[in-house]
Amino acid sequence: MTTSSVVCPEPVMRLAELIGSRVTDSSGKEIGHVSDVRLVEERGPGSEPGTRLRVEGLVITSRRRARLLAYDHRPVQGPWSLTWLTRRAIRHAHWAPWSCVASHQRPPAIGESGTVQLATTIGELAPLAQAHEEWDR
Protein backbone atom coordinates (compact mmCIF):
# COMPACT_ATOMS: atom_id res chain seq x y z
CA MET A 1 0.00 0.00 0.00
CA THR A 2 1.42 3.36 -0.96
CA THR A 3 0.83 6.55 0.86
CA SER A 4 0.39 9.78 -0.98
CA SER A 5 0.68 13.22 0.39
CA VAL A 6 -2.35 15.38 -0.02
CA VAL A 7 -1.79 19.08 -0.37
CA CYS A 8 -4.61 20.94 1.28
CA PRO A 9 -5.50 24.39 0.04
CA GLU A 10 -5.07 27.32 2.38
CA PRO A 11 -7.91 27.57 4.87
CA VAL A 12 -10.83 29.68 3.75
CA MET A 13 -11.32 32.89 5.69
CA ARG A 14 -14.90 33.86 6.42
CA LEU A 15 -15.97 37.49 6.51
CA ALA A 16 -17.56 36.81 9.88
CA GLU A 17 -14.05 36.15 11.20
CA LEU A 18 -12.95 39.63 10.12
CA ILE A 19 -15.95 41.75 11.09
CA GLY A 20 -15.52 42.84 14.71
CA SER A 21 -11.89 41.72 14.88
CA ARG A 22 -9.51 43.74 17.03
CA VAL A 23 -7.00 45.68 14.94
CA THR A 24 -3.46 46.29 16.14
CA ASP A 25 -0.81 48.38 14.42
CA SER A 26 2.74 47.35 13.61
CA SER A 27 3.83 48.06 17.20
CA GLY A 28 1.08 45.85 18.66
CA LYS A 29 -1.04 48.78 19.93
CA GLU A 30 -4.81 48.25 19.58
CA ILE A 31 -6.22 50.90 17.24
CA GLY A 32 -9.81 49.77 16.75
CA HIS A 33 -12.01 47.10 15.25
CA VAL A 34 -13.02 45.99 11.77
CA SER A 35 -16.37 47.58 10.97
CA ASP A 36 -16.65 46.50 7.34
CA VAL A 37 -14.81 44.72 4.56
CA ARG A 38 -14.72 46.11 1.03
CA LEU A 39 -14.80 43.47 -1.71
CA VAL A 40 -13.99 43.90 -5.40
CA GLU A 41 -15.40 41.69 -8.11
CA GLU A 42 -12.84 40.47 -10.64
CA ARG A 43 -12.64 37.94 -13.43
CA GLY A 44 -11.20 34.52 -12.72
CA PRO A 45 -7.72 33.72 -14.03
CA GLY A 46 -7.29 32.48 -17.58
CA SER A 47 -10.37 31.01 -19.13
CA GLU A 48 -12.24 30.42 -15.86
CA PRO A 49 -15.85 31.43 -16.31
CA GLY A 50 -17.49 33.96 -14.04
CA THR A 51 -16.05 36.29 -11.47
CA ARG A 52 -14.77 36.06 -7.94
CA LEU A 53 -14.52 38.42 -5.00
CA ARG A 54 -11.25 39.77 -3.64
CA VAL A 55 -10.81 41.65 -0.35
CA GLU A 56 -9.72 45.19 -1.17
CA GLY A 57 -9.43 46.43 2.39
CA LEU A 58 -10.91 47.01 5.83
CA VAL A 59 -12.86 49.83 7.43
CA ILE A 60 -11.53 50.37 10.93
CA THR A 61 -13.49 52.19 13.62
CA SER A 62 -12.42 53.19 17.10
CA ARG A 63 -15.31 51.42 18.85
CA ARG A 64 -16.12 47.75 18.49
CA ARG A 65 -19.86 48.17 18.20
CA ALA A 66 -19.64 51.15 15.86
CA ARG A 67 -22.28 50.93 13.18
CA LEU A 68 -21.81 53.21 10.23
CA LEU A 69 -25.19 52.27 8.72
CA ALA A 70 -23.57 51.66 5.32
CA TYR A 71 -22.10 55.19 5.32
CA ASP A 72 -18.71 53.53 5.03
CA HIS A 73 -19.59 52.26 1.53
CA ARG A 74 -19.83 55.55 -0.35
CA PRO A 75 -20.14 59.22 0.44
CA VAL A 76 -23.73 60.35 0.85
CA GLN A 77 -25.13 62.94 -1.53
CA GLY A 78 -28.25 64.46 -0.09
CA PRO A 79 -29.65 67.09 2.20
CA TRP A 80 -27.04 68.94 4.25
CA SER A 81 -28.29 67.34 7.48
CA LEU A 82 -27.76 63.80 6.14
CA THR A 83 -24.36 64.76 4.71
CA TRP A 84 -23.36 66.26 8.08
CA LEU A 85 -24.51 63.17 10.00
CA THR A 86 -22.60 60.94 7.59
CA ARG A 87 -19.37 62.90 7.98
CA ARG A 88 -19.79 62.82 11.73
CA ALA A 89 -20.36 59.03 11.71
CA ILE A 90 -17.15 58.33 9.76
CA ARG A 91 -14.87 61.02 11.24
CA HIS A 92 -12.86 58.51 13.30
CA ALA A 93 -12.97 55.67 10.77
CA HIS A 94 -9.90 54.66 8.77
CA TRP A 95 -9.29 52.73 5.58
CA ALA A 96 -6.71 49.93 5.58
CA PRO A 97 -5.95 48.47 2.14
CA TRP A 98 -5.53 44.69 2.28
CA SER A 99 -1.84 45.18 1.44
CA CYS A 100 -1.43 46.76 4.91
CA VAL A 101 -2.61 43.60 6.68
CA ALA A 102 0.37 41.69 8.06
CA SER A 103 -1.59 38.85 9.67
CA HIS A 104 -4.98 37.68 10.82
CA GLN A 105 -5.47 35.49 13.86
CA ARG A 106 -8.73 33.59 13.78
CA PRO A 107 -11.10 33.85 16.74
CA PRO A 108 -10.42 31.18 19.37
CA ALA A 109 -14.12 30.23 19.43
CA ILE A 110 -17.32 31.05 17.58
CA GLY A 111 -18.73 34.35 18.79
CA GLU A 112 -15.38 35.73 19.89
CA SER A 113 -13.30 38.20 17.92
CA GLY A 114 -10.08 37.56 16.09
CA THR A 115 -7.14 39.90 15.68
CA VAL A 116 -5.88 41.68 12.59
CA GLN A 117 -2.31 42.96 12.77
CA LEU A 118 -1.35 45.74 10.37
CA ALA A 119 2.09 46.33 8.93
CA THR A 120 1.61 50.08 9.46
CA THR A 121 0.59 52.52 12.17
CA ILE A 122 -2.76 54.28 12.33
CA GLY A 123 -1.04 57.52 11.33
CA GLU A 124 -0.16 55.94 7.98
CA LEU A 125 -3.77 54.93 7.23
CA ALA A 126 -6.08 57.18 5.23
CA PRO A 127 -9.21 58.53 6.87
CA LEU A 128 -12.29 56.83 5.44
CA ALA A 129 -13.54 60.14 3.99
CA GLN A 130 -10.34 60.38 1.91
CA ALA A 131 -10.82 56.81 0.67
CA HIS A 132 -14.34 57.75 -0.41
CA GLU A 133 -12.89 60.48 -2.63
CA GLU A 134 -10.47 58.03 -4.25
CA TRP A 135 -13.24 55.44 -4.85
CA ASP A 136 -15.31 58.03 -6.71
CA ARG A 137 -12.55 58.90 -9.18
C-alpha atoms as a PDB file:
ATOM      1  CA  MET A   1       0.000   0.000   0.000  1.00  0.00           C
ATOM      2  CA  THR A   2       1.416   3.357  -0.957  1.00  0.00           C
ATOM      3  CA  THR A   3       0.828   6.554   0.857  1.00  0.00           C
ATOM      4  CA  SER A   4       0.386   9.778  -0.976  1.00  0.00           C
ATOM      5  CA  SER A   5       0.676  13.217   0.394  1.00  0.00           C
ATOM      6  CA  VAL A   6      -2.348  15.382  -0.017  1.00  0.00           C
ATOM      7  CA  VAL A   7      -1.786  19.084  -0.373  1.00  0.00           C
ATOM      8  CA  CYS A   8      -4.614  20.942   1.284  1.00  0.00           C
ATOM      9  CA  PRO A   9      -5.497  24.392   0.040  1.00  0.00           C
ATOM     10  CA  GLU A  10      -5.070  27.322   2.382  1.00  0.00           C
ATOM     11  CA  PRO A  11      -7.906  27.574   4.874  1.00  0.00           C
ATOM     12  CA  VAL A  12     -10.833  29.681   3.747  1.00  0.00           C
ATOM     13  CA  MET A  13     -11.324  32.886   5.686  1.00  0.00           C
ATOM     14  CA  ARG A  14     -14.903  33.858   6.419  1.00  0.00           C
ATOM     15  CA  LEU A  15     -15.971  37.493   6.506  1.00  0.00           C
ATOM     16  CA  ALA A  16     -17.562  36.814   9.878  1.00  0.00           C
ATOM     17  CA  GLU A  17     -14.048  36.150  11.204  1.00  0.00           C
ATOM     18  CA  LEU A  18     -12.948  39.628  10.115  1.00  0.00           C
ATOM     19  CA  ILE A  19     -15.952  41.752  11.092  1.00  0.00           C
ATOM     20  CA  GLY A  20     -15.524  42.844  14.705  1.00  0.00           C
ATOM     21  CA  SER A  21     -11.892  41.718  14.883  1.00  0.00           C
ATOM     22  CA  ARG A  22      -9.505  43.741  17.029  1.00  0.00           C
ATOM     23  CA  VAL A  23      -7.003  45.679  14.940  1.00  0.00           C
ATOM     24  CA  THR A  24      -3.459  46.285  16.136  1.00  0.00           C
ATOM     25  CA  ASP A  25      -0.815  48.375  14.423  1.00  0.00           C
ATOM     26  CA  SER A  26       2.742  47.351  13.614  1.00  0.00           C
ATOM     27  CA  SER A  27       3.832  48.062  17.197  1.00  0.00           C
ATOM     28  CA  GLY A  28       1.079  45.852  18.656  1.00  0.00           C
ATOM     29  CA  LYS A  29      -1.039  48.785  19.926  1.00  0.00           C
ATOM     30  CA  GLU A  30      -4.805  48.248  19.582  1.00  0.00           C
ATOM     31  CA  ILE A  31      -6.215  50.895  17.242  1.00  0.00           C
ATOM     32  CA  GLY A  32      -9.806  49.774  16.746  1.00  0.00           C
ATOM     33  CA  HIS A  33     -12.014  47.098  15.255  1.00  0.00           C
ATOM     34  CA  VAL A  34     -13.018  45.992  11.773  1.00  0.00           C
ATOM     35  CA  SER A  35     -16.371  47.576  10.968  1.00  0.00           C
ATOM     36  CA  ASP A  36     -16.649  46.503   7.345  1.00  0.00           C
ATOM     37  CA  VAL A  37     -14.808  44.722   4.559  1.00  0.00           C
ATOM     38  CA  ARG A  38     -14.718  46.112   1.026  1.00  0.00           C
ATOM     39  CA  LEU A  39     -14.798  43.475  -1.715  1.00  0.00           C
ATOM     40  CA  VAL A  40     -13.990  43.903  -5.401  1.00  0.00           C
ATOM     41  CA  GLU A  41     -15.401  41.691  -8.115  1.00  0.00           C
ATOM     42  CA  GLU A  42     -12.843  40.470 -10.640  1.00  0.00           C
ATOM     43  CA  ARG A  43     -12.642  37.938 -13.432  1.00  0.00           C
ATOM     44  CA  GLY A  44     -11.202  34.517 -12.717  1.00  0.00           C
ATOM     45  CA  PRO A  45      -7.720  33.715 -14.026  1.00  0.00           C
ATOM     46  CA  GLY A  46      -7.290  32.475 -17.583  1.00  0.00           C
ATOM     47  CA  SER A  47     -10.366  31.011 -19.131  1.00  0.00           C
ATOM     48  CA  GLU A  48     -12.244  30.418 -15.861  1.00  0.00           C
ATOM     49  CA  PRO A  49     -15.851  31.431 -16.308  1.00  0.00           C
ATOM     50  CA  GLY A  50     -17.487  33.963 -14.035  1.00  0.00           C
ATOM     51  CA  THR A  51     -16.054  36.293 -11.467  1.00  0.00           C
ATOM     52  CA  ARG A  52     -14.767  36.060  -7.940  1.00  0.00           C
ATOM     53  CA  LEU A  53     -14.522  38.424  -4.999  1.00  0.00           C
ATOM     54  CA  ARG A  54     -11.252  39.772  -3.644  1.00  0.00           C
ATOM     55  CA  VAL A  55     -10.808  41.652  -0.353  1.00  0.00           C
ATOM     56  CA  GLU A  56      -9.718  45.192  -1.165  1.00  0.00           C
ATOM     57  CA  GLY A  57      -9.433  46.434   2.387  1.00  0.00           C
ATOM     58  CA  LEU A  58     -10.908  47.005   5.832  1.00  0.00           C
ATOM     59  CA  VAL A  59     -12.861  49.831   7.427  1.00  0.00           C
ATOM     60  CA  ILE A  60     -11.526  50.366  10.932  1.00  0.00           C
ATOM     61  CA  THR A  61     -13.495  52.190  13.619  1.00  0.00           C
ATOM     62  CA  SER A  62     -12.423  53.186  17.099  1.00  0.00           C
ATOM     63  CA  ARG A  63     -15.312  51.422  18.850  1.00  0.00           C
ATOM     64  CA  ARG A  64     -16.124  47.747  18.490  1.00  0.00           C
ATOM     65  CA  ARG A  65     -19.859  48.174  18.203  1.00  0.00           C
ATOM     66  CA  ALA A  66     -19.643  51.154  15.858  1.00  0.00           C
ATOM     67  CA  ARG A  67     -22.277  50.927  13.179  1.00  0.00           C
ATOM     68  CA  LEU A  68     -21.807  53.213  10.234  1.00  0.00           C
ATOM     69  CA  LEU A  69     -25.190  52.267   8.720  1.00  0.00           C
ATOM     70  CA  ALA A  70     -23.567  51.664   5.318  1.00  0.00           C
ATOM     71  CA  TYR A  71     -22.104  55.188   5.316  1.00  0.00           C
ATOM     72  CA  ASP A  72     -18.712  53.527   5.031  1.00  0.00           C
ATOM     73  CA  HIS A  73     -19.585  52.263   1.531  1.00  0.00           C
ATOM     74  CA  ARG A  74     -19.835  55.549  -0.351  1.00  0.00           C
ATOM     75  CA  PRO A  75     -20.143  59.220   0.445  1.00  0.00           C
ATOM     76  CA  VAL A  76     -23.729  60.345   0.849  1.00  0.00           C
ATOM     77  CA  GLN A  77     -25.128  62.937  -1.528  1.00  0.00           C
ATOM     78  CA  GLY A  78     -28.253  64.456  -0.091  1.00  0.00           C
ATOM     79  CA  PRO A  79     -29.654  67.093   2.204  1.00  0.00           C
ATOM     80  CA  TRP A  80     -27.039  68.938   4.255  1.00  0.00           C
ATOM     81  CA  SER A  81     -28.294  67.335   7.479  1.00  0.00           C
ATOM     82  CA  LEU A  82     -27.757  63.802   6.145  1.00  0.00           C
ATOM     83  CA  THR A  83     -24.360  64.758   4.712  1.00  0.00           C
ATOM     84  CA  TRP A  84     -23.358  66.261   8.082  1.00  0.00           C
ATOM     85  CA  LEU A  85     -24.508  63.168   9.998  1.00  0.00           C
ATOM     86  CA  THR A  86     -22.603  60.937   7.588  1.00  0.00           C
ATOM     87  CA  ARG A  87     -19.375  62.900   7.976  1.00  0.00           C
ATOM     88  CA  ARG A  88     -19.787  62.815  11.734  1.00  0.00           C
ATOM     89  CA  ALA A  89     -20.358  59.032  11.712  1.00  0.00           C
ATOM     90  CA  ILE A  90     -17.151  58.330   9.765  1.00  0.00           C
ATOM     91  CA  ARG A  91     -14.875  61.018  11.244  1.00  0.00           C
ATOM     92  CA  HIS A  92     -12.864  58.509  13.304  1.00  0.00           C
ATOM     93  CA  ALA A  93     -12.970  55.669  10.774  1.00  0.00           C
ATOM     94  CA  HIS A  94      -9.898  54.657   8.773  1.00  0.00           C
ATOM     95  CA  TRP A  95      -9.288  52.731   5.577  1.00  0.00           C
ATOM     96  CA  ALA A  96      -6.706  49.933   5.585  1.00  0.00           C
ATOM     97  CA  PRO A  97      -5.955  48.470   2.145  1.00  0.00           C
ATOM     98  CA  TRP A  98      -5.529  44.688   2.281  1.00  0.00           C
ATOM     99  CA  SER A  99      -1.838  45.183   1.435  1.00  0.00           C
ATOM    100  CA  CYS A 100      -1.428  46.761   4.908  1.00  0.00           C
ATOM    101  CA  VAL A 101      -2.614  43.601   6.683  1.00  0.00           C
ATOM    102  CA  ALA A 102       0.370  41.686   8.058  1.00  0.00           C
ATOM    103  CA  SER A 103      -1.586  38.851   9.672  1.00  0.00           C
ATOM    104  CA  HIS A 104      -4.981  37.678  10.822  1.00  0.00           C
ATOM    105  CA  GLN A 105      -5.472  35.494  13.857  1.00  0.00           C
ATOM    106  CA  ARG A 106      -8.732  33.585  13.775  1.00  0.00           C
ATOM    107  CA  PRO A 107     -11.096  33.850  16.741  1.00  0.00           C
ATOM    108  CA  PRO A 108     -10.424  31.179  19.372  1.00  0.00           C
ATOM    109  CA  ALA A 109     -14.121  30.234  19.426  1.00  0.00           C
ATOM    110  CA  ILE A 110     -17.316  31.054  17.580  1.00  0.00           C
ATOM    111  CA  GLY A 111     -18.735  34.354  18.788  1.00  0.00           C
ATOM    112  CA  GLU A 112     -15.376  35.728  19.886  1.00  0.00           C
ATOM    113  CA  SER A 113     -13.297  38.202  17.922  1.00  0.00           C
ATOM    114  CA  GLY A 114     -10.078  37.563  16.085  1.00  0.00           C
ATOM    115  CA  THR A 115      -7.143  39.904  15.675  1.00  0.00           C
ATOM    116  CA  VAL A 116      -5.881  41.682  12.587  1.00  0.00           C
ATOM    117  CA  GLN A 117      -2.311  42.965  12.765  1.00  0.00           C
ATOM    118  CA  LEU A 118      -1.350  45.737  10.373  1.00  0.00           C
ATOM    119  CA  ALA A 119       2.094  46.326   8.930  1.00  0.00           C
ATOM    120  CA  THR A 120       1.613  50.076   9.457  1.00  0.00           C
ATOM    121  CA  THR A 121       0.593  52.521  12.174  1.00  0.00           C
ATOM    122  CA  ILE A 122      -2.756  54.279  12.334  1.00  0.00           C
ATOM    123  CA  GLY A 123      -1.040  57.515  11.327  1.00  0.00           C
ATOM    124  CA  GLU A 124      -0.159  55.940   7.978  1.00  0.00           C
ATOM    125  CA  LEU A 125      -3.770  54.932   7.227  1.00  0.00           C
ATOM    126  CA  ALA A 126      -6.080  57.176   5.230  1.00  0.00           C
ATOM    127  CA  PRO A 127      -9.206  58.527   6.866  1.00  0.00           C
ATOM    128  CA  LEU A 128     -12.293  56.828   5.436  1.00  0.00           C
ATOM    129  CA  ALA A 129     -13.538  60.137   3.993  1.00  0.00           C
ATOM    130  CA  GLN A 130     -10.338  60.378   1.914  1.00  0.00           C
ATOM    131  CA  ALA A 131     -10.816  56.806   0.671  1.00  0.00           C
ATOM    132  CA  HIS A 132     -14.343  57.749  -0.413  1.00  0.00           C
ATOM    133  CA  GLU A 133     -12.888  60.484  -2.629  1.00  0.00           C
ATOM    134  CA  GLU A 134     -10.471  58.032  -4.255  1.00  0.00           C
ATOM    135  CA  TRP A 135     -13.236  55.444  -4.852  1.00  0.00           C
ATOM    136  CA  ASP A 136     -15.305  58.030  -6.706  1.00  0.00           C
ATOM    137  CA  ARG A 137     -12.546  58.895  -9.181  1.00  0.00           C
END
